[in-house]
PDB file of N, CA and C in Angstrom:
ATOM      1  N   MET A   1       0.852  -1.183   0.000  1.00  0.00           N
ATOM      2  CA  MET A   1       0.000   0.000   0.000  1.00  0.00           C
ATOM      3  C   MET A   1       0.889   1.236   0.000  1.00  0.00           C
ATOM      4  N   THR A   2       1.071   1.815  -1.145  1.00  0.00           N
ATOM      5  CA  THR A   2       1.907   2.996  -1.233  1.00  0.00           C
ATOM      6  C   THR A   2       1.077   4.265  -1.381  1.00  0.00           C
ATOM      7  N   GLN A   3      -0.157   4.127  -1.796  1.00  0.00           N
ATOM      8  CA  GLN A   3      -1.013   5.289  -1.915  1.00  0.00           C
ATOM      9  C   GLN A   3      -2.054   5.288  -0.803  1.00  0.00           C
ATOM     10  N   LYS A   4      -2.704   6.425  -0.663  1.00  0.00           N
ATOM     11  CA  LYS A   4      -3.757   6.525   0.339  1.00  0.00           C
ATOM     12  C   LYS A   4      -4.939   5.651  -0.070  1.00  0.00           C
ATOM     13  N   LEU A   5      -5.689   5.247   0.914  1.00  0.00           N
ATOM     14  CA  LEU A   5      -6.912   4.494   0.641  1.00  0.00           C
ATOM     15  C   LEU A   5      -7.927   5.415  -0.022  1.00  0.00           C
ATOM     16  N   THR A   6      -8.693   4.860  -0.930  1.00  0.00           N
ATOM     17  CA  THR A   6      -9.797   5.622  -1.499  1.00  0.00           C
ATOM     18  C   THR A   6     -10.877   5.735  -0.421  1.00  0.00           C
ATOM     19  N   ILE A   7     -11.807   6.617  -0.641  1.00  0.00           N
ATOM     20  CA  ILE A   7     -12.901   6.779   0.321  1.00  0.00           C
ATOM     21  C   ILE A   7     -13.654   5.460   0.472  1.00  0.00           C
ATOM     22  N   LYS A   8     -13.874   4.776  -0.640  1.00  0.00           N
ATOM     23  CA  LYS A   8     -14.584   3.493  -0.605  1.00  0.00           C
ATOM     24  C   LYS A   8     -13.797   2.457   0.202  1.00  0.00           C
ATOM     25  N   GLN A   9     -12.491   2.374  -0.039  1.00  0.00           N
ATOM     26  CA  GLN A   9     -11.657   1.417   0.690  1.00  0.00           C
ATOM     27  C   GLN A   9     -11.630   1.743   2.183  1.00  0.00           C
ATOM     28  N   ARG A  10     -11.549   3.022   2.492  1.00  0.00           N
ATOM     29  CA  ARG A  10     -11.526   3.444   3.897  1.00  0.00           C
ATOM     30  C   ARG A  10     -12.830   3.057   4.602  1.00  0.00           C
ATOM     31  N   LYS A  11     -13.959   3.287   3.930  1.00  0.00           N
ATOM     32  CA  LYS A  11     -15.265   2.932   4.508  1.00  0.00           C
ATOM     33  C   LYS A  11     -15.387   1.418   4.687  1.00  0.00           C
ATOM     34  N   GLU A  12     -14.876   0.658   3.713  1.00  0.00           N
ATOM     35  CA  GLU A  12     -14.911  -0.804   3.821  1.00  0.00           C
ATOM     36  C   GLU A  12     -14.077  -1.273   5.016  1.00  0.00           C
ATOM     37  N   LEU A  13     -12.903  -0.688   5.192  1.00  0.00           N
ATOM     38  CA  LEU A  13     -12.051  -1.060   6.318  1.00  0.00           C
ATOM     39  C   LEU A  13     -12.705  -0.676   7.643  1.00  0.00           C
ATOM     40  N   GLU A  14     -13.291   0.513   7.703  1.00  0.00           N
ATOM     41  CA  GLU A  14     -14.005   0.932   8.910  1.00  0.00           C
ATOM     42  C   GLU A  14     -15.139  -0.036   9.227  1.00  0.00           C
ATOM     43  N   SER A  15     -15.867  -0.460   8.199  1.00  0.00           N
ATOM     44  CA  SER A  15     -16.976  -1.389   8.374  1.00  0.00           C
ATOM     45  C   SER A  15     -16.487  -2.736   8.927  1.00  0.00           C
ATOM     46  N   LYS A  16     -15.398  -3.225   8.371  1.00  0.00           N
ATOM     47  CA  LYS A  16     -14.841  -4.495   8.839  1.00  0.00           C
ATOM     48  C   LYS A  16     -14.350  -4.388  10.278  1.00  0.00           C
ATOM     49  N   LEU A  17     -13.720  -3.272  10.615  1.00  0.00           N
ATOM     50  CA  LEU A  17     -13.264  -3.064  11.992  1.00  0.00           C
ATOM     51  C   LEU A  17     -14.455  -2.970  12.943  1.00  0.00           C
ATOM     52  N   ALA A  18     -15.498  -2.270  12.523  1.00  0.00           N
ATOM     53  CA  ALA A  18     -16.693  -2.136  13.354  1.00  0.00           C
ATOM     54  C   ALA A  18     -17.295  -3.507  13.642  1.00  0.00           C
ATOM     55  N   LYS A  19     -17.329  -4.346  12.627  1.00  0.00           N
ATOM     56  CA  LYS A  19     -17.871  -5.695  12.803  1.00  0.00           C
ATOM     57  C   LYS A  19     -16.989  -6.512  13.749  1.00  0.00           C
ATOM     58  N   ALA A  20     -15.678  -6.427  13.557  1.00  0.00           N
ATOM     59  CA  ALA A  20     -14.753  -7.204  14.378  1.00  0.00           C
ATOM     60  C   ALA A  20     -14.732  -6.729  15.833  1.00  0.00           C
ATOM     61  N   LEU A  21     -14.947  -5.435  16.034  1.00  0.00           N
ATOM     62  CA  LEU A  21     -14.863  -4.862  17.380  1.00  0.00           C
ATOM     63  C   LEU A  21     -16.227  -4.550  17.982  1.00  0.00           C
ATOM     64  N   LYS A  22     -17.253  -5.094  17.393  1.00  0.00           N
ATOM     65  CA  LYS A  22     -18.629  -4.768  17.769  1.00  0.00           C
ATOM     66  C   LYS A  22     -18.864  -4.789  19.288  1.00  0.00           C
ATOM     67  N   GLN A  23     -18.490  -5.861  19.929  1.00  0.00           N
ATOM     68  CA  GLN A  23     -18.733  -5.977  21.366  1.00  0.00           C
ATOM     69  C   GLN A  23     -17.877  -5.017  22.183  1.00  0.00           C
ATOM     70  N   SER A  24     -16.662  -4.782  21.732  1.00  0.00           N
ATOM     71  CA  SER A  24     -15.745  -3.902  22.472  1.00  0.00           C
ATOM     72  C   SER A  24     -16.165  -2.441  22.419  1.00  0.00           C
ATOM     73  N   ILE A  25     -16.732  -2.010  21.283  1.00  0.00           N
ATOM     74  CA  ILE A  25     -17.082  -0.597  21.143  1.00  0.00           C
ATOM     75  C   ILE A  25     -18.559  -0.319  21.426  1.00  0.00           C
ATOM     76  N   LYS A  26     -19.300  -1.370  21.703  1.00  0.00           N
ATOM     77  CA  LYS A  26     -20.741  -1.241  21.949  1.00  0.00           C
ATOM     78  C   LYS A  26     -21.096  -0.232  23.047  1.00  0.00           C
ATOM     79  N   PRO A  27     -20.333  -0.164  24.157  1.00  0.00           N
ATOM     80  CA  PRO A  27     -20.700   0.783  25.224  1.00  0.00           C
ATOM     81  C   PRO A  27     -20.574   2.261  24.835  1.00  0.00           C
ATOM     82  N   PHE A  28     -19.834   2.548  23.769  1.00  0.00           N
ATOM     83  CA  PHE A  28     -19.615   3.936  23.370  1.00  0.00           C
ATOM     84  C   PHE A  28     -20.765   4.452  22.521  1.00  0.00           C
ATOM     85  N   SER A  29     -20.940   5.766  22.566  1.00  0.00           N
ATOM     86  CA  SER A  29     -21.958   6.386  21.710  1.00  0.00           C
ATOM     87  C   SER A  29     -21.561   6.195  20.244  1.00  0.00           C
ATOM     88  N   THR A  30     -22.527   6.363  19.370  1.00  0.00           N
ATOM     89  CA  THR A  30     -22.270   6.223  17.935  1.00  0.00           C
ATOM     90  C   THR A  30     -21.169   7.174  17.489  1.00  0.00           C
ATOM     91  N   GLU A  31     -21.195   8.384  18.000  1.00  0.00           N
ATOM     92  CA  GLU A  31     -20.182   9.375  17.628  1.00  0.00           C
ATOM     93  C   GLU A  31     -18.792   8.921  18.055  1.00  0.00           C
ATOM     94  N   LEU A  32     -18.668   8.424  19.277  1.00  0.00           N
ATOM     95  CA  LEU A  32     -17.369   7.953  19.748  1.00  0.00           C
ATOM     96  C   LEU A  32     -16.908   6.712  18.980  1.00  0.00           C
ATOM     97  N   GLN A  33     -17.838   5.861  18.606  1.00  0.00           N
ATOM     98  CA  GLN A  33     -17.488   4.694  17.795  1.00  0.00           C
ATOM     99  C   GLN A  33     -16.899   5.127  16.462  1.00  0.00           C
ATOM    100  N   LYS A  34     -17.531   6.105  15.823  1.00  0.00           N
ATOM    101  CA  LYS A  34     -17.048   6.606  14.529  1.00  0.00           C
ATOM    102  C   LYS A  34     -15.661   7.222  14.669  1.00  0.00           C
ATOM    103  N   ILE A  35     -15.454   7.980  15.732  1.00  0.00           N
ATOM    104  CA  ILE A  35     -14.148   8.600  15.979  1.00  0.00           C
ATOM    105  C   ILE A  35     -13.086   7.527  16.172  1.00  0.00           C
ATOM    106  N   LEU A  36     -13.392   6.531  16.987  1.00  0.00           N
ATOM    107  CA  LEU A  36     -12.436   5.458  17.245  1.00  0.00           C
ATOM    108  C   LEU A  36     -12.098   4.697  15.971  1.00  0.00           C
ATOM    109  N   LEU A  37     -13.101   4.348  15.196  1.00  0.00           N
ATOM    110  CA  LEU A  37     -12.857   3.608  13.955  1.00  0.00           C
ATOM    111  C   LEU A  37     -12.035   4.428  12.969  1.00  0.00           C
ATOM    112  N   ASP A  38     -12.330   5.716  12.876  1.00  0.00           N
ATOM    113  CA  ASP A  38     -11.549   6.591  12.005  1.00  0.00           C
ATOM    114  C   ASP A  38     -10.091   6.649  12.469  1.00  0.00           C
ATOM    115  N   ASP A  39      -9.883   6.763  13.763  1.00  0.00           N
ATOM    116  CA  ASP A  39      -8.525   6.786  14.321  1.00  0.00           C
ATOM    117  C   ASP A  39      -7.782   5.483  14.040  1.00  0.00           C
ATOM    118  N   LEU A  40      -8.473   4.363  14.156  1.00  0.00           N
ATOM    119  CA  LEU A  40      -7.835   3.073  13.899  1.00  0.00           C
ATOM    120  C   LEU A  40      -7.416   2.929  12.437  1.00  0.00           C
ATOM    121  N   VAL A  41      -8.261   3.372  11.533  1.00  0.00           N
ATOM    122  CA  VAL A  41      -7.922   3.301  10.107  1.00  0.00           C
ATOM    123  C   VAL A  41      -6.734   4.216   9.813  1.00  0.00           C
ATOM    124  N   THR A  42      -6.739   5.409  10.370  1.00  0.00           N
ATOM    125  CA  THR A  42      -5.626   6.342  10.174  1.00  0.00           C
ATOM    126  C   THR A  42      -4.333   5.769  10.737  1.00  0.00           C
ATOM    127  N   ALA A  43      -4.390   5.187  11.929  1.00  0.00           N
ATOM    128  CA  ALA A  43      -3.206   4.573  12.523  1.00  0.00           C
ATOM    129  C   ALA A  43      -2.694   3.423  11.665  1.00  0.00           C
ATOM    130  N   PHE A  44      -3.596   2.640  11.116  1.00  0.00           N
ATOM    131  CA  PHE A  44      -3.218   1.535  10.235  1.00  0.00           C
ATOM    132  C   PHE A  44      -2.495   2.060   8.998  1.00  0.00           C
ATOM    133  N   GLN A  45      -3.051   3.086   8.377  1.00  0.00           N
ATOM    134  CA  GLN A  45      -2.425   3.679   7.192  1.00  0.00           C
ATOM    135  C   GLN A  45      -1.024   4.188   7.525  1.00  0.00           C
ATOM    136  N   ASN A  46      -0.892   4.869   8.643  1.00  0.00           N
ATOM    137  CA  ASN A  46       0.405   5.414   9.029  1.00  0.00           C
ATOM    138  C   ASN A  46       1.417   4.312   9.306  1.00  0.00           C
ATOM    139  N   ARG A  47       0.986   3.240   9.928  1.00  0.00           N
ATOM    140  CA  ARG A  47       1.883   2.116  10.209  1.00  0.00           C
ATOM    141  C   ARG A  47       2.355   1.470   8.914  1.00  0.00           C
ATOM    142  N   ILE A  48       1.456   1.321   7.963  1.00  0.00           N
ATOM    143  CA  ILE A  48       1.819   0.747   6.669  1.00  0.00           C
ATOM    144  C   ILE A  48       2.872   1.626   5.979  1.00  0.00           C
ATOM    145  N   LYS A  49       2.696   2.948   6.041  1.00  0.00           N
ATOM    146  CA  LYS A  49       3.670   3.866   5.440  1.00  0.00           C
ATOM    147  C   LYS A  49       5.050   3.673   6.054  1.00  0.00           C
ATOM    148  N   VAL A  50       5.100   3.581   7.382  1.00  0.00           N
ATOM    149  CA  VAL A  50       6.374   3.398   8.076  1.00  0.00           C
ATOM    150  C   VAL A  50       7.020   2.080   7.673  1.00  0.00           C
ATOM    151  N   LEU A  51       6.243   1.024   7.659  1.00  0.00           N
ATOM    152  CA  LEU A  51       6.787  -0.284   7.293  1.00  0.00           C
ATOM    153  C   LEU A  51       7.265  -0.315   5.840  1.00  0.00           C
ATOM    154  N   ASN A  52       6.571   0.380   4.957  1.00  0.00           N
ATOM    155  CA  ASN A  52       7.018   0.471   3.566  1.00  0.00           C
ATOM    156  C   ASN A  52       8.371   1.172   3.477  1.00  0.00           C
ATOM    157  N   ARG A  53       8.539   2.260   4.248  1.00  0.00           N
ATOM    158  CA  ARG A  53       9.823   2.974   4.251  1.00  0.00           C
ATOM    159  C   ARG A  53      10.944   2.090   4.784  1.00  0.00           C
ATOM    160  N   VAL A  54      10.670   1.361   5.860  1.00  0.00           N
ATOM    161  CA  VAL A  54      11.668   0.460   6.432  1.00  0.00           C
ATOM    162  C   VAL A  54      12.040  -0.614   5.420  1.00  0.00           C
ATOM    163  N   GLN A  55      11.051  -1.165   4.776  1.00  0.00           N
ATOM    164  CA  GLN A  55      11.296  -2.220   3.790  1.00  0.00           C
ATOM    165  C   GLN A  55      12.148  -1.707   2.634  1.00  0.00           C
ATOM    166  N   LYS A  56      11.876  -0.502   2.166  1.00  0.00           N
ATOM    167  CA  LYS A  56      12.653   0.090   1.071  1.00  0.00           C
ATOM    168  C   LYS A  56      14.104   0.283   1.483  1.00  0.00           C
ATOM    169  N   LYS A  57      14.330   0.745   2.717  1.00  0.00           N
ATOM    170  CA  LYS A  57      15.703   0.956   3.196  1.00  0.00           C
ATOM    171  C   LYS A  57      16.465  -0.345   3.288  1.00  0.00           C
ATOM    172  N   ARG A  58      15.794  -1.416   3.658  1.00  0.00           N
ATOM    173  CA  ARG A  58      16.441  -2.720   3.779  1.00  0.00           C
ATOM    174  C   ARG A  58      16.827  -3.286   2.430  1.00  0.00           C
ATOM    175  N   SER A  59      16.115  -2.923   1.394  1.00  0.00           N
ATOM    176  CA  SER A  59      16.370  -3.520   0.089  1.00  0.00           C
ATOM    177  C   SER A  59      17.548  -2.865  -0.639  1.00  0.00           C
ATOM    178  N   TYR A  60      18.115  -1.808  -0.072  1.00  0.00           N
ATOM    179  CA  TYR A  60      19.268  -1.165  -0.703  1.00  0.00           C
ATOM    180  C   TYR A  60      20.533  -1.919  -0.424  1.00  0.00           C
TER     181      TYR A  60
END
């Protein structure tokens, strides 16, 4: 993943995370659930970017 997720891909990932974490995030309001899921997707994207950079440096 070298480019940003499309809006569709981001929504799909958020949906999958919501399903996987359904019981864990259930006590939170809908607004807080959306914030948490958005943060998780953003953190995932950022981690992938870092790992891609590390991988590129290793291949030199």
